[in-house]
Amino acid sequence: MEFFKMARARTLTREERLDMLRLFAFYTSEGETAPSKKVAEALGRNVGVVRGVWREYCDYGTVTAATPAANRTAHPTRLVHSTQNIELIQAFVRLRRATRMRTTAVDVLTYLNEMDVLSVDLTSKTATLAGVRAVQRFLKRRGYKRGKKPGSSSYHLSKSNVLARDEYVQLMHPLLTGTIRPSVVYMDESFIHHHYKRHHDSLYDPSDELDIQRKENHKGRRFCFIAGILDSPAMDCRVLTLDIFRGGKSQAKEPKDYHGMFNHDYFVKWFNSLLDELDA
């Protein structure tokens, strides 16, 4: 019986009401003085429900299924989905993303409060949380997401770099595919930022085609490195003259520019060390 009560829906279907009506008529024809109680006991329903079904049949000559209880009515929203509000929030998020400022629903709420679009008492924790939920519902309905926007990376080769790469490949291909391979030293220099960090949990609108981020400017300390890689058919391939150093003169001063550290004087000195290591 417990399983039956838990598994059966509380809302009566039309077929269940017809069963009640059939049993009610049966017990009445058998001379039962309280047919409603008998039907309720047999079907495990409330007596009032059985009487209501019989009353409906007597009044209208038929029975209908009850509409299941649910929240189907439209309720007023605190943040109206108007064109003005949609464009206002989209422009706000786009502007902050252009300067790489992390944006959340709380930031949007603060902005809407300043623009008198959504009145919220920010000194009240309860009112603030209610306002945040209203903004979150708006953003979710408009398709906003959090994280790194796909395809938003600005790293690519410039036109001059593409031409230089093609020229380099055309020069090196005959040397590497020829019968006699020469010894080649590949070299490069670059840098990484100390505490390199990017905010990839900010809001963005996937449908905003005007959302373009500029390249991030890092002003932290730099770890610079330069090295050569020997590729030779006659000698062991290895890394040559690896030099790693930190940019800037001291912790208190602004680090030097990357190209300012890898200047001509530094490269000549490093290259002489490379030649000495090759001769060794």
C-alpha atoms as a PDB file:
ATOM      1  CA  MET A   1       0.000   0.000   0.000  1.00  0.00           C
ATOM      2  CA  GLU A   2       2.855   2.391   0.773  1.00  0.00           C
ATOM      3  CA  PHE A   3       4.358   1.883  -2.684  1.00  0.00           C
ATOM      4  CA  PHE A   4       0.939   2.460  -4.241  1.00  0.00           C
ATOM      5  CA  LYS A   5       0.489   5.760  -2.409  1.00  0.00           C
ATOM      6  CA  MET A   6       3.956   7.011  -3.340  1.00  0.00           C
ATOM      7  CA  ALA A   7       3.818   5.970  -7.010  1.00  0.00           C
ATOM      8  CA  ARG A   8       0.298   7.192  -7.811  1.00  0.00           C
ATOM      9  CA  ALA A   9      -0.136  10.793  -8.924  1.00  0.00           C
ATOM     10  CA  ARG A  10      -2.242  13.011  -6.711  1.00  0.00           C
ATOM     11  CA  THR A  11      -4.102  14.541  -9.648  1.00  0.00           C
ATOM     12  CA  LEU A  12      -7.049  12.468 -10.901  1.00  0.00           C
ATOM     13  CA  THR A  13      -7.170  11.586 -14.583  1.00  0.00           C
ATOM     14  CA  ARG A  14     -10.471  11.339 -16.450  1.00  0.00           C
ATOM     15  CA  GLU A  15     -10.180   7.528 -16.521  1.00  0.00           C
ATOM     16  CA  GLU A  16      -9.804   7.409 -12.725  1.00  0.00           C
ATOM     17  CA  ARG A  17     -12.867   9.611 -12.336  1.00  0.00           C
ATOM     18  CA  LEU A  18     -14.833   7.303 -14.619  1.00  0.00           C
ATOM     19  CA  ASP A  19     -13.771   4.350 -12.451  1.00  0.00           C
ATOM     20  CA  MET A  20     -15.079   6.177  -9.378  1.00  0.00           C
ATOM     21  CA  LEU A  21     -18.335   6.912 -11.153  1.00  0.00           C
ATOM     22  CA  ARG A  22     -18.686   3.244 -12.211  1.00  0.00           C
ATOM     23  CA  LEU A  23     -18.096   1.961  -8.671  1.00  0.00           C
ATOM     24  CA  PHE A  24     -20.452   4.575  -7.236  1.00  0.00           C
ATOM     25  CA  ALA A  25     -23.204   3.393  -9.588  1.00  0.00           C
ATOM     26  CA  PHE A  26     -22.433  -0.252  -8.751  1.00  0.00           C
ATOM     27  CA  TYR A  27     -22.661   0.192  -4.967  1.00  0.00           C
ATOM     28  CA  THR A  28     -25.803   2.263  -5.364  1.00  0.00           C
ATOM     29  CA  SER A  29     -27.435  -0.495  -7.448  1.00  0.00           C
ATOM     30  CA  GLU A  30     -26.492  -2.997  -4.723  1.00  0.00           C
ATOM     31  CA  GLY A  31     -28.456  -0.980  -2.191  1.00  0.00           C
ATOM     32  CA  GLU A  32     -25.450   0.503  -0.384  1.00  0.00           C
ATOM     33  CA  THR A  33     -26.535   3.420   1.794  1.00  0.00           C
ATOM     34  CA  ALA A  34     -23.074   5.093   1.800  1.00  0.00           C
ATOM     35  CA  PRO A  35     -21.602   4.400  -1.655  1.00  0.00           C
ATOM     36  CA  SER A  36     -19.080   7.263  -1.391  1.00  0.00           C
ATOM     37  CA  LYS A  37     -17.320   5.633   1.586  1.00  0.00           C
ATOM     38  CA  LYS A  38     -17.219   2.259  -0.166  1.00  0.00           C
ATOM     39  CA  VAL A  39     -15.665   3.757  -3.318  1.00  0.00           C
ATOM     40  CA  ALA A  40     -13.135   5.705  -1.230  1.00  0.00           C
ATOM     41  CA  GLU A  41     -12.119   2.555   0.668  1.00  0.00           C
ATOM     42  CA  ALA A  42     -11.833   0.465  -2.519  1.00  0.00           C
ATOM     43  CA  LEU A  43      -9.727   2.999  -4.430  1.00  0.00           C
ATOM     44  CA  GLY A  44      -7.833   4.527  -1.528  1.00  0.00           C
ATOM     45  CA  ARG A  45      -9.158   8.023  -2.174  1.00  0.00           C
ATOM     46  CA  ASN A  46     -10.641  10.692   0.040  1.00  0.00           C
ATOM     47  CA  VAL A  47     -14.414  10.585   0.527  1.00  0.00           C
ATOM     48  CA  GLY A  48     -14.670  14.237  -0.432  1.00  0.00           C
ATOM     49  CA  VAL A  49     -12.968  13.537  -3.765  1.00  0.00           C
ATOM     50  CA  VAL A  50     -15.458  10.765  -4.572  1.00  0.00           C
ATOM     51  CA  ARG A  51     -18.386  12.994  -3.670  1.00  0.00           C
ATOM     52  CA  GLY A  52     -16.959  15.772  -5.807  1.00  0.00           C
ATOM     53  CA  VAL A  53     -16.777  13.468  -8.840  1.00  0.00           C
ATOM     54  CA  TRP A  54     -20.383  12.353  -8.300  1.00  0.00           C
ATOM     55  CA  ARG A  55     -21.511  15.971  -7.853  1.00  0.00           C
ATOM     56  CA  GLU A  56     -19.789  16.994 -11.103  1.00  0.00           C
ATOM     57  CA  TYR A  57     -21.552  14.213 -12.975  1.00  0.00           C
ATOM     58  CA  CYS A  58     -24.923  15.159 -11.527  1.00  0.00           C
ATOM     59  CA  ASP A  59     -24.449  18.848 -12.411  1.00  0.00           C
ATOM     60  CA  TYR A  60     -22.906  18.534 -15.899  1.00  0.00           C
ATOM     61  CA  GLY A  61     -23.561  14.969 -17.022  1.00  0.00           C
ATOM     62  CA  THR A  62     -19.841  14.260 -17.502  1.00  0.00           C
ATOM     63  CA  VAL A  63     -16.499  14.255 -15.695  1.00  0.00           C
ATOM     64  CA  THR A  64     -13.271  16.022 -16.642  1.00  0.00           C
ATOM     65  CA  ALA A  65      -9.643  15.641 -15.639  1.00  0.00           C
ATOM     66  CA  ALA A  66      -8.342  18.197 -13.185  1.00  0.00           C
ATOM     67  CA  THR A  67      -5.504  20.439 -14.290  1.00  0.00           C
ATOM     68  CA  PRO A  68      -2.319  19.472 -12.393  1.00  0.00           C
ATOM     69  CA  ALA A  69      -1.155  22.109  -9.963  1.00  0.00           C
ATOM     70  CA  ALA A  70       1.745  24.059 -11.447  1.00  0.00           C
ATOM     71  CA  ASN A  71       3.163  27.544 -11.731  1.00  0.00           C
ATOM     72  CA  ARG A  72       2.033  28.422 -15.260  1.00  0.00           C
ATOM     73  CA  THR A  73       1.190  32.087 -14.916  1.00  0.00           C
ATOM     74  CA  ALA A  74       3.520  34.872 -16.019  1.00  0.00           C
ATOM     75  CA  HIS A  75       4.954  36.838 -13.119  1.00  0.00           C
ATOM     76  CA  PRO A  76       6.304  40.377 -13.194  1.00  0.00           C
ATOM     77  CA  THR A  77      10.096  40.480 -13.426  1.00  0.00           C
ATOM     78  CA  ARG A  78      12.310  42.974 -11.660  1.00  0.00           C
ATOM     79  CA  LEU A  79      14.580  43.349 -14.686  1.00  0.00           C
ATOM     80  CA  VAL A  80      12.477  43.837 -17.816  1.00  0.00           C
ATOM     81  CA  HIS A  81      13.739  42.119 -20.984  1.00  0.00           C
ATOM     82  CA  SER A  82      13.398  45.265 -23.067  1.00  0.00           C
ATOM     83  CA  THR A  83      15.577  46.207 -26.031  1.00  0.00           C
ATOM     84  CA  GLN A  84      16.981  49.142 -24.064  1.00  0.00           C
ATOM     85  CA  ASN A  85      18.072  46.960 -21.139  1.00  0.00           C
ATOM     86  CA  ILE A  86      19.503  44.281 -23.434  1.00  0.00           C
ATOM     87  CA  GLU A  87      21.644  46.804 -25.326  1.00  0.00           C
ATOM     88  CA  LEU A  88      22.647  48.599 -22.109  1.00  0.00           C
ATOM     89  CA  ILE A  89      23.978  45.433 -20.443  1.00  0.00           C
ATOM     90  CA  GLN A  90      25.642  44.210 -23.635  1.00  0.00           C
ATOM     91  CA  ALA A  91      27.494  47.518 -24.065  1.00  0.00           C
ATOM     92  CA  PHE A  92      28.581  47.462 -20.403  1.00  0.00           C
ATOM     93  CA  VAL A  93      29.982  43.924 -20.622  1.00  0.00           C
ATOM     94  CA  ARG A  94      31.641  44.672 -23.968  1.00  0.00           C
ATOM     95  CA  LEU A  95      33.358  47.799 -22.621  1.00  0.00           C
ATOM     96  CA  ARG A  96      34.760  45.982 -19.591  1.00  0.00           C
ATOM     97  CA  ARG A  97      35.956  43.059 -21.705  1.00  0.00           C
ATOM     98  CA  ALA A  98      37.728  45.482 -24.049  1.00  0.00           C
ATOM     99  CA  THR A  99      39.866  46.593 -21.092  1.00  0.00           C
ATOM    100  CA  ARG A 100      40.084  43.025 -19.676  1.00  0.00           C
ATOM    101  CA  MET A 101      38.120  43.826 -16.537  1.00  0.00           C
ATOM    102  CA  ARG A 102      36.536  40.818 -14.851  1.00  0.00           C
ATOM    103  CA  THR A 103      32.748  41.115 -14.972  1.00  0.00           C
ATOM    104  CA  THR A 104      30.191  39.196 -12.906  1.00  0.00           C
ATOM    105  CA  ALA A 105      26.482  39.481 -12.167  1.00  0.00           C
ATOM    106  CA  VAL A 106      27.321  41.633  -9.136  1.00  0.00           C
ATOM    107  CA  ASP A 107      29.094  44.162 -11.391  1.00  0.00           C
ATOM    108  CA  VAL A 108      26.092  44.243 -13.720  1.00  0.00           C
ATOM    109  CA  LEU A 109      23.776  44.748 -10.731  1.00  0.00           C
ATOM    110  CA  THR A 110      25.864  47.656  -9.444  1.00  0.00           C
ATOM    111  CA  TYR A 111      25.845  49.272 -12.886  1.00  0.00           C
ATOM    112  CA  LEU A 112      22.074  48.871 -13.312  1.00  0.00           C
ATOM    113  CA  ASN A 113      21.543  50.367  -9.857  1.00  0.00           C
ATOM    114  CA  GLU A 114      23.677  53.375 -10.802  1.00  0.00           C
ATOM    115  CA  MET A 115      21.722  53.791 -14.050  1.00  0.00           C
ATOM    116  CA  ASP A 116      18.388  53.649 -12.123  1.00  0.00           C
ATOM    117  CA  VAL A 117      17.310  50.610 -14.138  1.00  0.00           C
ATOM    118  CA  LEU A 118      17.122  48.265 -11.153  1.00  0.00           C
ATOM    119  CA  SER A 119      16.592  49.819  -7.740  1.00  0.00           C
ATOM    120  CA  VAL A 120      18.392  47.800  -5.065  1.00  0.00           C
ATOM    121  CA  ASP A 121      19.436  48.665  -1.525  1.00  0.00           C
ATOM    122  CA  LEU A 122      23.065  47.526  -1.720  1.00  0.00           C
ATOM    123  CA  THR A 123      23.481  48.027   2.021  1.00  0.00           C
ATOM    124  CA  SER A 124      21.000  45.201   2.629  1.00  0.00           C
ATOM    125  CA  LYS A 125      22.362  41.697   2.128  1.00  0.00           C
ATOM    126  CA  THR A 126      18.907  40.231   1.472  1.00  0.00           C
ATOM    127  CA  ALA A 127      18.018  42.876  -1.113  1.00  0.00           C
ATOM    128  CA  THR A 128      21.411  42.547  -2.800  1.00  0.00           C
ATOM    129  CA  LEU A 129      21.138  38.763  -3.109  1.00  0.00           C
ATOM    130  CA  ALA A 130      17.628  39.098  -4.542  1.00  0.00           C
ATOM    131  CA  GLY A 131      18.916  41.616  -7.077  1.00  0.00           C
ATOM    132  CA  VAL A 132      21.814  39.343  -8.041  1.00  0.00           C
ATOM    133  CA  ARG A 133      19.396  36.472  -8.655  1.00  0.00           C
ATOM    134  CA  ALA A 134      17.267  38.710 -10.868  1.00  0.00           C
ATOM    135  CA  VAL A 135      20.324  39.712 -12.908  1.00  0.00           C
ATOM    136  CA  GLN A 136      21.495  36.096 -13.144  1.00  0.00           C
ATOM    137  CA  ARG A 137      18.100  35.039 -14.507  1.00  0.00           C
ATOM    138  CA  PHE A 138      18.289  37.816 -17.087  1.00  0.00           C
ATOM    139  CA  LEU A 139      21.826  36.891 -18.161  1.00  0.00           C
ATOM    140  CA  LYS A 140      20.972  33.190 -18.374  1.00  0.00           C
ATOM    141  CA  ARG A 141      17.922  33.878 -20.514  1.00  0.00           C
ATOM    142  CA  ARG A 142      19.961  36.112 -22.830  1.00  0.00           C
ATOM    143  CA  GLY A 143      22.562  33.358 -23.294  1.00  0.00           C
ATOM    144  CA  TYR A 144      25.458  34.933 -21.392  1.00  0.00           C
ATOM    145  CA  LYS A 145      28.260  32.618 -20.344  1.00  0.00           C
ATOM    146  CA  ARG A 146      31.328  32.780 -18.122  1.00  0.00           C
ATOM    147  CA  GLY A 147      34.811  31.738 -19.120  1.00  0.00           C
ATOM    148  CA  LYS A 148      37.055  32.238 -22.100  1.00  0.00           C
ATOM    149  CA  LYS A 149      35.185  33.198 -25.236  1.00  0.00           C
ATOM    150  CA  PRO A 150      35.910  30.692 -28.043  1.00  0.00           C
ATOM    151  CA  GLY A 151      37.863  32.134 -30.938  1.00  0.00           C
ATOM    152  CA  SER A 152      38.750  35.332 -29.074  1.00  0.00           C
ATOM    153  CA  SER A 153      42.511  34.792 -29.080  1.00  0.00           C
ATOM    154  CA  SER A 154      44.420  37.586 -30.784  1.00  0.00           C
ATOM    155  CA  TYR A 155      47.692  35.701 -31.270  1.00  0.00           C
ATOM    156  CA  HIS A 156      48.584  35.363 -34.940  1.00  0.00           C
ATOM    157  CA  LEU A 157      51.480  35.917 -37.302  1.00  0.00           C
ATOM    158  CA  SER A 158      51.772  39.322 -38.871  1.00  0.00           C
ATOM    159  CA  LYS A 159      52.082  39.644 -42.623  1.00  0.00           C
ATOM    160  CA  SER A 160      55.813  40.442 -42.383  1.00  0.00           C
ATOM    161  CA  ASN A 161      56.394  37.394 -40.174  1.00  0.00           C
ATOM    162  CA  VAL A 162      54.577  35.166 -42.652  1.00  0.00           C
ATOM    163  CA  LEU A 163      56.805  36.403 -45.495  1.00  0.00           C
ATOM    164  CA  ALA A 164      59.951  35.931 -43.389  1.00  0.00           C
ATOM    165  CA  ARG A 165      58.861  32.414 -42.422  1.00  0.00           C
ATOM    166  CA  ASP A 166      58.239  31.448 -46.044  1.00  0.00           C
ATOM    167  CA  GLU A 167      61.643  32.785 -47.074  1.00  0.00           C
ATOM    168  CA  TYR A 168      63.315  30.848 -44.255  1.00  0.00           C
ATOM    169  CA  VAL A 169      61.579  27.586 -45.189  1.00  0.00           C
ATOM    170  CA  GLN A 170      62.552  27.970 -48.854  1.00  0.00           C
ATOM    171  CA  LEU A 171      66.176  28.541 -47.814  1.00  0.00           C
ATOM    172  CA  MET A 172      66.400  25.657 -45.344  1.00  0.00           C
ATOM    173  CA  HIS A 173      64.509  22.998 -47.276  1.00  0.00           C
ATOM    174  CA  PRO A 174      67.273  22.275 -49.855  1.00  0.00           C
ATOM    175  CA  LEU A 175      69.893  22.053 -47.089  1.00  0.00           C
ATOM    176  CA  LEU A 176      67.940  19.575 -44.971  1.00  0.00           C
ATOM    177  CA  THR A 177      66.806  17.375 -47.862  1.00  0.00           C
ATOM    178  CA  GLY A 178      70.138  17.266 -49.701  1.00  0.00           C
ATOM    179  CA  THR A 179      72.561  14.330 -49.831  1.00  0.00           C
ATOM    180  CA  ILE A 180      75.075  15.982 -47.515  1.00  0.00           C
ATOM    181  CA  ARG A 181      73.410  17.565 -44.504  1.00  0.00           C
ATOM    182  CA  PRO A 182      75.299  20.407 -42.818  1.00  0.00           C
ATOM    183  CA  SER A 183      75.307  21.027 -39.091  1.00  0.00           C
ATOM    184  CA  VAL A 184      72.613  23.540 -38.192  1.00  0.00           C
ATOM    185  CA  VAL A 185      72.160  25.512 -34.992  1.00  0.00           C
ATOM    186  CA  TYR A 186      68.611  26.701 -34.392  1.00  0.00           C
ATOM    187  CA  MET A 187      68.341  29.616 -32.004  1.00  0.00           C
ATOM    188  CA  ASP A 188      65.571  31.663 -30.455  1.00  0.00           C
ATOM    189  CA  GLU A 189      64.908  34.028 -27.598  1.00  0.00           C
ATOM    190  CA  SER A 190      61.725  34.873 -25.715  1.00  0.00           C
ATOM    191  CA  PHE A 191      60.326  35.579 -22.245  1.00  0.00           C
ATOM    192  CA  ILE A 192      57.563  34.594 -19.849  1.00  0.00           C
ATOM    193  CA  HIS A 193      55.875  36.688 -17.180  1.00  0.00           C
ATOM    194  CA  HIS A 194      56.256  36.036 -13.492  1.00  0.00           C
ATOM    195  CA  HIS A 195      52.854  35.155 -11.986  1.00  0.00           C
ATOM    196  CA  TYR A 196      51.321  35.033 -15.445  1.00  0.00           C
ATOM    197  CA  LYS A 197      47.575  35.217 -14.929  1.00  0.00           C
ATOM    198  CA  ARG A 198      44.440  35.774 -16.975  1.00  0.00           C
ATOM    199  CA  HIS A 199      40.818  36.042 -15.900  1.00  0.00           C
ATOM    200  CA  HIS A 200      38.850  33.449 -17.805  1.00  0.00           C
ATOM    201  CA  ASP A 201      35.728  33.438 -15.641  1.00  0.00           C
ATOM    202  CA  SER A 202      34.290  36.761 -16.757  1.00  0.00           C
ATOM    203  CA  LEU A 203      30.882  37.243 -18.372  1.00  0.00           C
ATOM    204  CA  TYR A 204      30.601  37.402 -22.150  1.00  0.00           C
ATOM    205  CA  ASP A 205      27.822  37.425 -24.721  1.00  0.00           C
ATOM    206  CA  PRO A 206      28.408  34.760 -27.417  1.00  0.00           C
ATOM    207  CA  SER A 207      26.150  36.650 -29.829  1.00  0.00           C
ATOM    208  CA  ASP A 208      27.994  39.974 -29.504  1.00  0.00           C
ATOM    209  CA  GLU A 209      29.990  40.371 -32.727  1.00  0.00           C
ATOM    210  CA  LEU A 210      31.471  43.692 -31.554  1.00  0.00           C
ATOM    211  CA  ASP A 211      33.125  42.095 -28.525  1.00  0.00           C
ATOM    212  CA  ILE A 212      36.839  42.447 -29.365  1.00  0.00           C
ATOM    213  CA  GLN A 213      39.564  42.281 -26.736  1.00  0.00           C
ATOM    214  CA  ARG A 214      42.875  44.003 -27.183  1.00  0.00           C
ATOM    215  CA  LYS A 215      46.132  42.264 -26.388  1.00  0.00           C
ATOM    216  CA  GLU A 216      46.798  42.110 -22.676  1.00  0.00           C
ATOM    217  CA  ASN A 217      49.591  44.349 -21.374  1.00  0.00           C
ATOM    218  CA  HIS A 218      51.746  42.645 -18.776  1.00  0.00           C
ATOM    219  CA  LYS A 219      53.851  44.886 -16.572  1.00  0.00           C
ATOM    220  CA  GLY A 220      55.191  42.277 -14.177  1.00  0.00           C
ATOM    221  CA  ARG A 221      58.717  40.930 -13.942  1.00  0.00           C
ATOM    222  CA  ARG A 222      59.949  38.920 -16.905  1.00  0.00           C
ATOM    223  CA  PHE A 223      61.974  35.733 -17.045  1.00  0.00           C
ATOM    224  CA  CYS A 224      64.000  35.963 -20.257  1.00  0.00           C
ATOM    225  CA  PHE A 225      65.725  33.059 -21.963  1.00  0.00           C
ATOM    226  CA  ILE A 226      67.820  32.416 -25.063  1.00  0.00           C
ATOM    227  CA  ALA A 227      69.341  29.184 -26.362  1.00  0.00           C
ATOM    228  CA  GLY A 228      70.576  27.331 -29.422  1.00  0.00           C
ATOM    229  CA  ILE A 229      69.753  23.756 -30.495  1.00  0.00           C
ATOM    230  CA  LEU A 230      72.368  21.812 -32.436  1.00  0.00           C
ATOM    231  CA  ASP A 231      71.115  19.546 -35.239  1.00  0.00           C
ATOM    232  CA  SER A 232      74.095  17.728 -36.749  1.00  0.00           C
ATOM    233  CA  PRO A 233      74.618  14.378 -38.514  1.00  0.00           C
ATOM    234  CA  ALA A 234      78.158  14.160 -37.113  1.00  0.00           C
ATOM    235  CA  MET A 235      77.682  15.403 -33.530  1.00  0.00           C
ATOM    236  CA  ASP A 236      75.257  14.763 -30.696  1.00  0.00           C
ATOM    237  CA  CYS A 237      72.212  17.004 -30.857  1.00  0.00           C
ATOM    238  CA  ARG A 238      71.925  19.146 -27.738  1.00  0.00           C
ATOM    239  CA  VAL A 239      70.924  22.503 -26.291  1.00  0.00           C
ATOM    240  CA  LEU A 240      73.677  25.124 -26.456  1.00  0.00           C
ATOM    241  CA  THR A 241      74.404  28.247 -24.411  1.00  0.00           C
ATOM    242  CA  LEU A 242      71.120  28.402 -22.517  1.00  0.00           C
ATOM    243  CA  ASP A 243      70.870  31.711 -20.666  1.00  0.00           C
ATOM    244  CA  ILE A 244      67.971  32.541 -18.341  1.00  0.00           C
ATOM    245  CA  PHE A 245      67.803  35.818 -16.452  1.00  0.00           C
ATOM    246  CA  ARG A 246      65.265  38.151 -14.897  1.00  0.00           C
ATOM    247  CA  GLY A 247      64.431  41.453 -16.527  1.00  0.00           C
ATOM    248  CA  GLY A 248      64.877  44.721 -14.660  1.00  0.00           C
ATOM    249  CA  LYS A 249      67.675  46.085 -12.531  1.00  0.00           C
ATOM    250  CA  SER A 250      66.016  45.688  -9.141  1.00  0.00           C
ATOM    251  CA  GLN A 251      62.733  44.748  -7.508  1.00  0.00           C
ATOM    252  CA  ALA A 252      61.922  48.397  -6.894  1.00  0.00           C
ATOM    253  CA  LYS A 253      62.280  49.503 -10.517  1.00  0.00           C
ATOM    254  CA  GLU A 254      60.108  48.854 -13.541  1.00  0.00           C
ATOM    255  CA  PRO A 255      61.410  45.927 -15.625  1.00  0.00           C
ATOM    256  CA  LYS A 256      63.116  46.824 -18.859  1.00  0.00           C
ATOM    257  CA  ASP A 257      61.396  46.293 -22.153  1.00  0.00           C
ATOM    258  CA  TYR A 258      61.922  42.833 -23.618  1.00  0.00           C
ATOM    259  CA  HIS A 259      63.582  44.162 -26.779  1.00  0.00           C
ATOM    260  CA  GLY A 260      65.673  46.543 -24.728  1.00  0.00           C
ATOM    261  CA  MET A 261      67.328  43.624 -22.910  1.00  0.00           C
ATOM    262  CA  PHE A 262      68.026  41.527 -26.012  1.00  0.00           C
ATOM    263  CA  ASN A 263      70.015  44.256 -27.744  1.00  0.00           C
ATOM    264  CA  HIS A 264      72.991  44.091 -30.108  1.00  0.00           C
ATOM    265  CA  ASP A 265      75.662  44.129 -27.415  1.00  0.00           C
ATOM    266  CA  TYR A 266      74.015  41.298 -25.491  1.00  0.00           C
ATOM    267  CA  PHE A 267      73.559  39.185 -28.627  1.00  0.00           C
ATOM    268  CA  VAL A 268      77.187  39.590 -29.754  1.00  0.00           C
ATOM    269  CA  LYS A 269      78.380  38.497 -26.325  1.00  0.00           C
ATOM    270  CA  TRP A 270      76.006  35.523 -26.285  1.00  0.00           C
ATOM    271  CA  PHE A 271      76.901  34.513 -29.840  1.00  0.00           C
ATOM    272  CA  ASN A 272      80.623  34.458 -28.999  1.00  0.00           C
ATOM    273  CA  SER A 273      79.796  32.097 -26.131  1.00  0.00           C
ATOM    274  CA  LEU A 274      77.876  29.923 -28.588  1.00  0.00           C
ATOM    275  CA  LEU A 275      80.869  29.731 -30.953  1.00  0.00           C
ATOM    276  CA  ASP A 276      83.184  28.846 -28.072  1.00  0.00           C
ATOM    277  CA  GLU A 277      80.869  26.012 -27.017  1.00  0.00           C
ATOM    278  CA  LEU A 278      80.734  24.675 -30.581  1.00  0.00           C
ATOM    279  CA  ASP A 279      84.538  24.706 -30.824  1.00  0.00           C
ATOM    280  CA  ALA A 280      84.931  22.931 -27.488  1.00  0.00           C
END
